[in-house]
Amino acid sequence: MRPTVFLDRDGTLNREVGFVRSPHMLEVLPFARPSLQRLHDAGYRLVVVTNQSGIARGLYSENDLAAVHARLHHELGELPDAYLHCPHHPDGAHGYGGACACRKPGPGLLHQARTLLGVDFVGGALVGDSARDLLMARGLPLRTVLVRSGKPVAAERAALQAAAMTADHEADDLVGAVDWLLRTH
């Protein structure tokens, strides 16, 4: 079975700009596509996992998100195998409020990938720009990489430390994360 790299979206693949409500707001980071190509060529499956509470907040719809992901998929050379998202928010409405198992830092999106796509966690990794991203991998056999291309890294390190977790590696961006993943595979 091919190992899987799970990737956060905002701050990892595209510029962190708040809520990306439409495709024209999406700014894919310049190194994202070649980095994903390297992982793909090395035999990894690629799955994007992202919290999208803007749906529960009524800022955009599932259709709007699908349009954003269609553009992202095109910009990334159609390399990711899947895009899984959590539309919920504890304070949200629009049919998406309340507790859920899929909102990061919970591992629900990872378990969805296992169920829907048949992925195996062994030999895989999770790359993201926040503590919430990395915490979803807690207790699973996934290597974790914190990238400094999105959220302020000092606050994310502190949040990881408060949760008694450290990243397996820290990199400036996805390029550095992929370098480390391929070097340590």
N, C-alpha and C. Protein backbone atom coordinates (compact mmCIF):
# COMPACT_ATOMS: atom_id res chain seq x y z
N MET A 1 0.84 -1.18 0.00
CA MET A 1 0.00 0.00 0.00
C MET A 1 0.88 1.25 0.00
N ARG A 2 0.50 2.22 -0.80
CA ARG A 2 1.24 3.48 -0.88
C ARG A 2 1.03 4.29 0.38
N PRO A 3 2.10 4.86 0.95
CA PRO A 3 1.92 5.74 2.11
C PRO A 3 1.23 7.04 1.68
N THR A 4 0.62 7.70 2.66
CA THR A 4 -0.14 8.91 2.39
C THR A 4 0.45 10.10 3.13
N VAL A 5 0.53 11.23 2.45
CA VAL A 5 0.86 12.49 3.11
C VAL A 5 -0.43 13.30 3.15
N PHE A 6 -0.83 13.63 4.37
CA PHE A 6 -2.00 14.50 4.60
C PHE A 6 -1.49 15.93 4.68
N LEU A 7 -2.16 16.83 3.97
CA LEU A 7 -1.71 18.21 3.88
C LEU A 7 -2.82 19.16 4.30
N ASP A 8 -2.48 20.07 5.20
CA ASP A 8 -3.37 21.18 5.49
C ASP A 8 -3.43 22.05 4.24
N ARG A 9 -4.47 22.85 4.11
CA ARG A 9 -4.61 23.69 2.93
C ARG A 9 -4.04 25.09 3.16
N ASP A 10 -4.74 25.91 3.95
CA ASP A 10 -4.38 27.32 4.13
C ASP A 10 -3.09 27.45 4.94
N GLY A 11 -2.11 28.14 4.36
CA GLY A 11 -0.82 28.32 5.02
C GLY A 11 0.18 27.24 4.67
N THR A 12 -0.28 26.18 4.04
CA THR A 12 0.60 25.09 3.63
C THR A 12 0.67 25.01 2.11
N LEU A 13 -0.49 24.97 1.46
CA LEU A 13 -0.57 24.90 -0.01
C LEU A 13 -0.87 26.26 -0.63
N ASN A 14 -1.65 27.06 0.07
CA ASN A 14 -2.00 28.39 -0.42
C ASN A 14 -1.78 29.41 0.68
N ARG A 15 -1.67 30.67 0.26
CA ARG A 15 -1.41 31.75 1.21
C ARG A 15 -2.54 31.84 2.23
N GLU A 16 -2.17 32.04 3.48
CA GLU A 16 -3.12 32.21 4.58
C GLU A 16 -3.70 33.62 4.47
N VAL A 17 -5.00 33.71 4.10
CA VAL A 17 -5.64 35.02 3.92
C VAL A 17 -6.96 35.12 4.68
N GLY A 18 -7.20 34.22 5.58
CA GLY A 18 -8.51 34.18 6.24
C GLY A 18 -9.40 33.23 5.47
N PHE A 19 -10.65 33.58 5.37
CA PHE A 19 -11.61 32.71 4.68
C PHE A 19 -11.51 32.89 3.16
N VAL A 20 -11.15 31.82 2.47
CA VAL A 20 -11.11 31.83 1.01
C VAL A 20 -12.52 31.48 0.55
N ARG A 21 -13.27 32.50 0.16
CA ARG A 21 -14.69 32.35 -0.15
C ARG A 21 -14.98 32.04 -1.62
N SER A 22 -14.00 32.31 -2.48
CA SER A 22 -14.21 32.08 -3.91
C SER A 22 -12.87 31.79 -4.56
N PRO A 23 -12.89 31.18 -5.74
CA PRO A 23 -11.63 30.81 -6.40
C PRO A 23 -10.69 31.99 -6.64
N HIS A 24 -11.23 33.18 -6.91
CA HIS A 24 -10.33 34.30 -7.19
C HIS A 24 -9.55 34.76 -5.96
N MET A 25 -9.95 34.34 -4.76
CA MET A 25 -9.22 34.69 -3.54
C MET A 25 -8.06 33.73 -3.27
N LEU A 26 -8.01 32.63 -3.99
CA LEU A 26 -7.01 31.59 -3.76
C LEU A 26 -5.67 32.01 -4.35
N GLU A 27 -4.63 31.99 -3.53
CA GLU A 27 -3.27 32.27 -4.00
C GLU A 27 -2.40 31.07 -3.63
N VAL A 28 -2.21 30.18 -4.59
CA VAL A 28 -1.41 28.98 -4.36
C VAL A 28 0.05 29.40 -4.19
N LEU A 29 0.69 28.84 -3.18
CA LEU A 29 2.10 29.15 -2.94
C LEU A 29 2.93 28.60 -4.09
N PRO A 30 3.95 29.33 -4.53
CA PRO A 30 4.68 28.95 -5.75
C PRO A 30 5.37 27.60 -5.69
N PHE A 31 5.70 27.12 -4.52
CA PHE A 31 6.42 25.86 -4.38
C PHE A 31 5.50 24.67 -4.16
N ALA A 32 4.20 24.91 -4.08
CA ALA A 32 3.28 23.83 -3.73
C ALA A 32 3.24 22.74 -4.80
N ARG A 33 3.02 23.12 -6.04
CA ARG A 33 2.89 22.10 -7.10
C ARG A 33 4.15 21.26 -7.28
N PRO A 34 5.35 21.88 -7.41
CA PRO A 34 6.54 21.03 -7.56
C PRO A 34 6.81 20.16 -6.33
N SER A 35 6.46 20.66 -5.15
CA SER A 35 6.66 19.85 -3.94
C SER A 35 5.74 18.64 -3.95
N LEU A 36 4.48 18.84 -4.33
CA LEU A 36 3.55 17.71 -4.41
C LEU A 36 3.97 16.74 -5.50
N GLN A 37 4.51 17.26 -6.58
CA GLN A 37 4.98 16.38 -7.66
C GLN A 37 6.09 15.47 -7.16
N ARG A 38 7.00 16.01 -6.35
CA ARG A 38 8.08 15.20 -5.79
C ARG A 38 7.52 14.08 -4.90
N LEU A 39 6.53 14.41 -4.06
CA LEU A 39 5.93 13.38 -3.21
C LEU A 39 5.23 12.32 -4.06
N HIS A 40 4.48 12.78 -5.06
CA HIS A 40 3.77 11.86 -5.95
C HIS A 40 4.76 10.93 -6.66
N ASP A 41 5.84 11.51 -7.18
CA ASP A 41 6.85 10.72 -7.89
C ASP A 41 7.53 9.72 -6.96
N ALA A 42 7.57 10.02 -5.66
CA ALA A 42 8.18 9.11 -4.69
C ALA A 42 7.19 8.04 -4.23
N GLY A 43 5.96 8.09 -4.75
CA GLY A 43 5.00 7.03 -4.45
C GLY A 43 3.99 7.34 -3.37
N TYR A 44 3.93 8.58 -2.91
CA TYR A 44 2.96 8.94 -1.87
C TYR A 44 1.60 9.27 -2.46
N ARG A 45 0.56 8.92 -1.73
CA ARG A 45 -0.78 9.44 -2.00
C ARG A 45 -0.87 10.78 -1.30
N LEU A 46 -1.66 11.70 -1.85
CA LEU A 46 -1.77 13.05 -1.30
C LEU A 46 -3.23 13.34 -0.99
N VAL A 47 -3.49 13.71 0.27
CA VAL A 47 -4.85 14.01 0.69
C VAL A 47 -4.84 15.34 1.44
N VAL A 48 -5.66 16.27 0.99
CA VAL A 48 -5.79 17.57 1.64
C VAL A 48 -6.88 17.46 2.70
N VAL A 49 -6.56 17.92 3.92
CA VAL A 49 -7.52 17.91 5.04
C VAL A 49 -7.60 19.33 5.59
N THR A 50 -8.82 19.87 5.66
CA THR A 50 -8.97 21.28 6.01
C THR A 50 -10.24 21.56 6.78
N ASN A 51 -10.12 22.38 7.82
CA ASN A 51 -11.30 22.91 8.51
C ASN A 51 -11.87 24.04 7.66
N GLN A 52 -13.16 24.05 7.47
CA GLN A 52 -13.82 25.09 6.69
C GLN A 52 -15.06 25.59 7.44
N SER A 53 -14.81 26.20 8.60
CA SER A 53 -15.92 26.67 9.44
C SER A 53 -16.67 27.84 8.81
N GLY A 54 -16.15 28.41 7.75
CA GLY A 54 -16.87 29.48 7.04
C GLY A 54 -18.21 28.99 6.52
N ILE A 55 -18.34 27.71 6.29
CA ILE A 55 -19.63 27.15 5.85
C ILE A 55 -20.63 27.25 6.99
N ALA A 56 -20.22 26.82 8.20
CA ALA A 56 -21.12 26.90 9.36
C ALA A 56 -21.43 28.35 9.73
N ARG A 57 -20.53 29.25 9.43
CA ARG A 57 -20.72 30.67 9.74
C ARG A 57 -21.54 31.39 8.69
N GLY A 58 -21.86 30.68 7.58
CA GLY A 58 -22.66 31.29 6.52
C GLY A 58 -21.87 32.21 5.61
N LEU A 59 -20.54 32.12 5.62
CA LEU A 59 -19.71 32.99 4.80
C LEU A 59 -19.60 32.50 3.36
N TYR A 60 -19.74 31.20 3.17
CA TYR A 60 -19.73 30.60 1.84
C TYR A 60 -20.41 29.24 1.94
N SER A 61 -20.70 28.67 0.80
CA SER A 61 -21.45 27.41 0.75
C SER A 61 -20.54 26.24 0.39
N GLU A 62 -21.11 25.05 0.48
CA GLU A 62 -20.39 23.85 0.02
C GLU A 62 -20.04 23.99 -1.47
N ASN A 63 -20.95 24.57 -2.26
CA ASN A 63 -20.68 24.77 -3.69
C ASN A 63 -19.53 25.74 -3.91
N ASP A 64 -19.48 26.81 -3.09
CA ASP A 64 -18.37 27.75 -3.18
C ASP A 64 -17.05 27.04 -2.88
N LEU A 65 -17.04 26.22 -1.83
CA LEU A 65 -15.84 25.48 -1.45
C LEU A 65 -15.43 24.52 -2.58
N ALA A 66 -16.40 23.87 -3.19
CA ALA A 66 -16.10 22.97 -4.30
C ALA A 66 -15.43 23.72 -5.45
N ALA A 67 -15.87 24.94 -5.71
CA ALA A 67 -15.26 25.75 -6.77
C ALA A 67 -13.82 26.13 -6.40
N VAL A 68 -13.59 26.47 -5.13
CA VAL A 68 -12.23 26.79 -4.67
C VAL A 68 -11.35 25.56 -4.82
N HIS A 69 -11.85 24.40 -4.41
CA HIS A 69 -11.04 23.18 -4.50
C HIS A 69 -10.83 22.75 -5.95
N ALA A 70 -11.76 23.03 -6.82
CA ALA A 70 -11.56 22.71 -8.25
C ALA A 70 -10.41 23.55 -8.80
N ARG A 71 -10.37 24.82 -8.45
CA ARG A 71 -9.26 25.67 -8.91
C ARG A 71 -7.95 25.21 -8.28
N LEU A 72 -7.97 24.92 -6.98
CA LEU A 72 -6.77 24.45 -6.30
C LEU A 72 -6.26 23.17 -6.96
N HIS A 73 -7.17 22.25 -7.25
CA HIS A 73 -6.79 20.98 -7.88
C HIS A 73 -6.11 21.22 -9.23
N HIS A 74 -6.66 22.14 -9.99
CA HIS A 74 -6.07 22.50 -11.28
C HIS A 74 -4.68 23.09 -11.08
N GLU A 75 -4.56 24.05 -10.15
CA GLU A 75 -3.28 24.72 -9.90
C GLU A 75 -2.23 23.74 -9.38
N LEU A 76 -2.66 22.70 -8.69
CA LEU A 76 -1.73 21.70 -8.14
C LEU A 76 -1.49 20.55 -9.11
N GLY A 77 -1.84 20.74 -10.36
CA GLY A 77 -1.57 19.72 -11.38
C GLY A 77 -2.39 18.46 -11.18
N GLU A 78 -3.53 18.59 -10.54
CA GLU A 78 -4.44 17.47 -10.28
C GLU A 78 -3.75 16.35 -9.51
N LEU A 79 -2.79 16.71 -8.66
CA LEU A 79 -2.02 15.71 -7.92
C LEU A 79 -2.72 15.17 -6.67
N PRO A 80 -3.39 16.01 -5.85
CA PRO A 80 -4.03 15.41 -4.67
C PRO A 80 -5.09 14.38 -5.06
N ASP A 81 -5.11 13.29 -4.29
CA ASP A 81 -6.09 12.23 -4.53
C ASP A 81 -7.46 12.60 -3.99
N ALA A 82 -7.50 13.46 -2.97
CA ALA A 82 -8.78 13.81 -2.35
C ALA A 82 -8.64 15.09 -1.54
N TYR A 83 -9.79 15.73 -1.33
CA TYR A 83 -9.91 16.91 -0.49
C TYR A 83 -11.01 16.61 0.52
N LEU A 84 -10.66 16.54 1.79
CA LEU A 84 -11.64 16.28 2.84
C LEU A 84 -11.72 17.52 3.71
N HIS A 85 -12.94 17.91 4.06
CA HIS A 85 -13.10 19.13 4.86
C HIS A 85 -14.12 18.94 5.97
N CYS A 86 -13.93 19.73 7.01
CA CYS A 86 -14.91 19.80 8.09
C CYS A 86 -15.63 21.13 7.95
N PRO A 87 -16.96 21.11 7.73
CA PRO A 87 -17.72 22.35 7.57
C PRO A 87 -18.26 22.90 8.89
N HIS A 88 -17.98 22.23 9.99
CA HIS A 88 -18.62 22.53 11.27
C HIS A 88 -17.91 23.62 12.06
N HIS A 89 -18.64 24.19 13.00
CA HIS A 89 -18.09 25.09 14.00
C HIS A 89 -19.00 25.01 15.21
N PRO A 90 -18.42 24.91 16.41
CA PRO A 90 -19.27 24.77 17.61
C PRO A 90 -20.33 25.86 17.73
N ASP A 91 -20.03 27.07 17.28
CA ASP A 91 -20.98 28.18 17.37
C ASP A 91 -21.73 28.41 16.06
N GLY A 92 -21.51 27.56 15.08
CA GLY A 92 -22.07 27.76 13.75
C GLY A 92 -23.55 27.41 13.66
N ALA A 93 -24.11 27.77 12.57
CA ALA A 93 -25.52 27.48 12.29
C ALA A 93 -25.58 26.84 10.91
N HIS A 94 -26.60 27.18 10.16
CA HIS A 94 -26.74 26.71 8.78
C HIS A 94 -26.65 25.18 8.69
N GLY A 95 -27.08 24.50 9.77
CA GLY A 95 -27.07 23.05 9.79
C GLY A 95 -25.72 22.44 10.09
N TYR A 96 -24.72 23.26 10.43
CA TYR A 96 -23.36 22.76 10.65
C TYR A 96 -22.82 23.10 12.04
N GLY A 97 -23.69 23.44 12.97
CA GLY A 97 -23.22 23.81 14.30
C GLY A 97 -23.08 22.60 15.20
N GLY A 98 -22.43 22.80 16.32
CA GLY A 98 -22.30 21.76 17.32
C GLY A 98 -21.03 20.96 17.19
N ALA A 99 -20.85 20.06 18.13
CA ALA A 99 -19.64 19.23 18.17
C ALA A 99 -19.64 18.23 17.01
N CYS A 100 -18.44 17.87 16.57
CA CYS A 100 -18.30 16.89 15.50
C CYS A 100 -16.99 16.15 15.70
N ALA A 101 -16.82 15.06 14.99
CA ALA A 101 -15.59 14.28 15.09
C ALA A 101 -14.56 14.71 14.04
N CYS A 102 -14.98 15.53 13.06
CA CYS A 102 -14.08 15.82 11.95
C CYS A 102 -13.32 17.13 12.08
N ARG A 103 -13.68 17.96 13.04
CA ARG A 103 -12.99 19.25 13.17
C ARG A 103 -11.62 19.07 13.81
N LYS A 104 -10.58 19.57 13.13
CA LYS A 104 -9.25 19.55 13.71
C LYS A 104 -9.29 20.32 15.03
N PRO A 105 -8.64 19.86 16.06
CA PRO A 105 -7.58 18.88 16.10
C PRO A 105 -8.03 17.43 16.23
N GLY A 106 -9.32 17.17 16.16
CA GLY A 106 -9.79 15.78 16.19
C GLY A 106 -9.31 15.04 14.95
N PRO A 107 -9.18 13.72 15.04
CA PRO A 107 -8.65 12.93 13.93
C PRO A 107 -9.70 12.48 12.91
N GLY A 108 -10.91 13.01 12.99
CA GLY A 108 -11.99 12.52 12.16
C GLY A 108 -11.72 12.53 10.66
N LEU A 109 -11.09 13.59 10.15
CA LEU A 109 -10.81 13.64 8.71
C LEU A 109 -9.82 12.56 8.30
N LEU A 110 -8.88 12.25 9.18
CA LEU A 110 -7.92 11.18 8.88
C LEU A 110 -8.63 9.83 8.84
N HIS A 111 -9.54 9.62 9.76
CA HIS A 111 -10.29 8.36 9.77
C HIS A 111 -11.25 8.28 8.58
N GLN A 112 -11.80 9.43 8.16
CA GLN A 112 -12.61 9.44 6.93
C GLN A 112 -11.77 9.00 5.74
N ALA A 113 -10.54 9.48 5.68
CA ALA A 113 -9.66 9.09 4.57
C ALA A 113 -9.42 7.59 4.57
N ARG A 114 -9.24 7.04 5.76
CA ARG A 114 -9.02 5.59 5.84
C ARG A 114 -10.25 4.84 5.36
N THR A 115 -11.43 5.29 5.78
CA THR A 115 -12.68 4.62 5.40
C THR A 115 -13.02 4.82 3.93
N LEU A 116 -12.96 6.07 3.47
CA LEU A 116 -13.39 6.39 2.10
C LEU A 116 -12.37 6.01 1.04
N LEU A 117 -11.09 6.16 1.37
CA LEU A 117 -10.03 5.98 0.37
C LEU A 117 -9.19 4.74 0.60
N GLY A 118 -9.37 4.10 1.74
CA GLY A 118 -8.59 2.91 2.04
C GLY A 118 -7.13 3.20 2.34
N VAL A 119 -6.82 4.41 2.80
CA VAL A 119 -5.42 4.73 3.10
C VAL A 119 -4.99 4.05 4.39
N ASP A 120 -3.70 3.83 4.48
CA ASP A 120 -3.08 3.28 5.68
C ASP A 120 -2.20 4.38 6.24
N PHE A 121 -2.17 4.53 7.56
CA PHE A 121 -1.38 5.58 8.17
C PHE A 121 0.11 5.23 8.24
N VAL A 122 0.45 3.96 8.25
CA VAL A 122 1.84 3.54 8.41
C VAL A 122 2.67 4.09 7.26
N GLY A 123 3.80 4.73 7.61
CA GLY A 123 4.70 5.28 6.62
C GLY A 123 4.29 6.63 6.11
N GLY A 124 3.17 7.16 6.61
CA GLY A 124 2.66 8.44 6.13
C GLY A 124 3.09 9.61 7.00
N ALA A 125 2.55 10.77 6.65
CA ALA A 125 2.91 11.99 7.36
C ALA A 125 1.76 12.98 7.29
N LEU A 126 1.83 13.98 8.15
CA LEU A 126 0.89 15.08 8.15
C LEU A 126 1.69 16.37 8.17
N VAL A 127 1.38 17.29 7.24
CA VAL A 127 2.09 18.56 7.12
C VAL A 127 1.08 19.68 7.29
N GLY A 128 1.39 20.62 8.19
CA GLY A 128 0.50 21.75 8.40
C GLY A 128 1.21 22.90 9.07
N ASP A 129 0.52 24.04 9.12
CA ASP A 129 1.11 25.25 9.67
C ASP A 129 0.58 25.59 11.06
N SER A 130 -0.19 24.67 11.67
CA SER A 130 -0.75 24.98 12.99
C SER A 130 -0.68 23.77 13.92
N ALA A 131 -0.73 24.06 15.20
CA ALA A 131 -0.79 22.99 16.20
C ALA A 131 -2.02 22.14 15.97
N ARG A 132 -3.14 22.77 15.64
CA ARG A 132 -4.40 22.05 15.40
C ARG A 132 -4.21 21.00 14.30
N ASP A 133 -3.46 21.35 13.26
CA ASP A 133 -3.20 20.39 12.18
C ASP A 133 -2.45 19.18 12.71
N LEU A 134 -1.34 19.43 13.40
CA LEU A 134 -0.49 18.34 13.86
C LEU A 134 -1.14 17.50 14.95
N LEU A 135 -1.93 18.14 15.80
CA LEU A 135 -2.57 17.41 16.90
C LEU A 135 -3.55 16.35 16.39
N MET A 136 -4.07 16.53 15.18
CA MET A 136 -4.99 15.52 14.66
C MET A 136 -4.30 14.17 14.42
N ALA A 137 -2.98 14.18 14.34
CA ALA A 137 -2.23 12.95 14.10
C ALA A 137 -1.81 12.27 15.40
N ARG A 138 -2.13 12.87 16.53
CA ARG A 138 -1.72 12.31 17.82
C ARG A 138 -2.23 10.88 17.96
N GLY A 139 -1.32 9.99 18.35
CA GLY A 139 -1.68 8.60 18.57
C GLY A 139 -1.71 7.76 17.31
N LEU A 140 -1.47 8.37 16.16
CA LEU A 140 -1.46 7.64 14.89
C LEU A 140 -0.02 7.51 14.40
N PRO A 141 0.28 6.48 13.62
CA PRO A 141 1.66 6.30 13.14
C PRO A 141 1.97 7.20 11.95
N LEU A 142 1.84 8.51 12.17
CA LEU A 142 2.13 9.51 11.14
C LEU A 142 3.25 10.42 11.63
N ARG A 143 4.21 10.70 10.77
CA ARG A 143 5.22 11.72 11.08
C ARG A 143 4.55 13.09 10.91
N THR A 144 4.97 14.06 11.70
CA THR A 144 4.36 15.38 11.62
C THR A 144 5.41 16.43 11.29
N VAL A 145 5.03 17.37 10.42
CA VAL A 145 5.92 18.46 10.04
C VAL A 145 5.15 19.77 10.18
N LEU A 146 5.70 20.67 10.97
CA LEU A 146 5.15 22.02 11.12
C LEU A 146 5.86 22.92 10.12
N VAL A 147 5.10 23.56 9.24
CA VAL A 147 5.69 24.50 8.29
C VAL A 147 5.44 25.93 8.78
N ARG A 148 6.42 26.80 8.50
CA ARG A 148 6.36 28.19 8.96
C ARG A 148 5.85 29.12 7.86
N SER A 149 5.07 28.62 6.94
CA SER A 149 4.61 29.42 5.79
C SER A 149 3.20 29.97 5.98
N GLY A 150 2.63 29.82 7.16
CA GLY A 150 1.26 30.29 7.38
C GLY A 150 1.13 31.06 8.68
N LYS A 151 0.57 30.42 9.67
CA LYS A 151 0.31 31.06 10.96
C LYS A 151 1.62 31.40 11.67
N PRO A 152 1.59 32.39 12.59
CA PRO A 152 2.80 32.73 13.36
C PRO A 152 3.32 31.51 14.13
N VAL A 153 4.53 31.11 13.85
CA VAL A 153 5.05 29.83 14.32
C VAL A 153 5.25 29.80 15.84
N ALA A 154 5.60 30.91 16.47
CA ALA A 154 5.83 30.90 17.93
C ALA A 154 4.56 30.50 18.67
N ALA A 155 3.43 31.03 18.26
CA ALA A 155 2.16 30.67 18.90
C ALA A 155 1.82 29.21 18.66
N GLU A 156 2.12 28.69 17.48
CA GLU A 156 1.82 27.29 17.17
C GLU A 156 2.72 26.34 17.95
N ARG A 157 3.99 26.72 18.09
CA ARG A 157 4.90 25.92 18.93
C ARG A 157 4.40 25.88 20.37
N ALA A 158 3.97 27.05 20.88
CA ALA A 158 3.47 27.13 22.26
C ALA A 158 2.22 26.27 22.43
N ALA A 159 1.34 26.27 21.45
CA ALA A 159 0.12 25.45 21.52
C ALA A 159 0.47 23.97 21.51
N LEU A 160 1.44 23.59 20.72
CA LEU A 160 1.89 22.19 20.71
C LEU A 160 2.49 21.82 22.07
N GLN A 161 3.32 22.71 22.60
CA GLN A 161 3.94 22.44 23.89
C GLN A 161 2.88 22.32 24.98
N ALA A 162 1.87 23.18 24.95
CA ALA A 162 0.79 23.12 25.95
C ALA A 162 0.03 21.80 25.85
N ALA A 163 0.00 21.21 24.67
CA ALA A 163 -0.67 19.92 24.47
C ALA A 163 0.29 18.75 24.64
N ALA A 164 1.50 19.03 25.14
CA ALA A 164 2.52 18.01 25.37
C ALA A 164 2.88 17.25 24.09
N MET A 165 3.04 18.00 23.00
CA MET A 165 3.41 17.40 21.72
C MET A 165 4.44 18.29 21.05
N THR A 166 5.32 17.68 20.29
CA THR A 166 6.25 18.42 19.45
C THR A 166 6.17 17.82 18.05
N ALA A 167 6.43 18.65 17.07
CA ALA A 167 6.47 18.17 15.70
C ALA A 167 7.70 17.29 15.52
N ASP A 168 7.60 16.32 14.64
CA ASP A 168 8.77 15.50 14.32
C ASP A 168 9.81 16.32 13.57
N HIS A 169 9.34 17.34 12.87
CA HIS A 169 10.25 18.21 12.12
C HIS A 169 9.56 19.56 11.93
N GLU A 170 10.38 20.58 11.75
CA GLU A 170 9.87 21.91 11.43
C GLU A 170 10.61 22.40 10.20
N ALA A 171 9.87 23.00 9.27
CA ALA A 171 10.47 23.46 8.01
C ALA A 171 9.92 24.83 7.66
N ASP A 172 10.68 25.57 6.87
CA ASP A 172 10.23 26.89 6.45
C ASP A 172 8.93 26.81 5.66
N ASP A 173 8.81 25.79 4.82
CA ASP A 173 7.67 25.69 3.92
C ASP A 173 7.55 24.24 3.44
N LEU A 174 6.68 24.02 2.47
CA LEU A 174 6.45 22.68 1.96
C LEU A 174 7.69 22.09 1.30
N VAL A 175 8.51 22.92 0.70
CA VAL A 175 9.75 22.43 0.09
C VAL A 175 10.61 21.76 1.15
N GLY A 176 10.82 22.43 2.26
CA GLY A 176 11.62 21.87 3.34
C GLY A 176 10.98 20.64 3.96
N ALA A 177 9.66 20.65 4.06
CA ALA A 177 8.95 19.49 4.60
C ALA A 177 9.16 18.28 3.70
N VAL A 178 9.04 18.48 2.39
CA VAL A 178 9.21 17.38 1.44
C VAL A 178 10.66 16.89 1.43
N ASP A 179 11.61 17.83 1.49
CA ASP A 179 13.02 17.42 1.57
C ASP A 179 13.22 16.46 2.74
N TRP A 180 12.70 16.84 3.91
CA TRP A 180 12.87 16.01 5.11
C TRP A 180 12.13 14.68 4.97
N LEU A 181 10.89 14.72 4.48
CA LEU A 181 10.13 13.48 4.33
C LEU A 181 10.82 12.50 3.40
N LEU A 182 11.34 12.97 2.29
CA LEU A 182 12.00 12.09 1.34
C LEU A 182 13.35 11.61 1.85
N ARG A 183 14.03 12.43 2.60
CA ARG A 183 15.34 12.06 3.17
C ARG A 183 15.18 11.02 4.27
N THR A 184 14.07 11.05 4.99
CA THR A 184 13.89 10.16 6.15
C THR A 184 12.94 9.00 5.85
N HIS A 185 12.49 8.87 4.63
CA HIS A 185 11.52 7.81 4.26
C HIS A 185 12.12 6.44 4.40
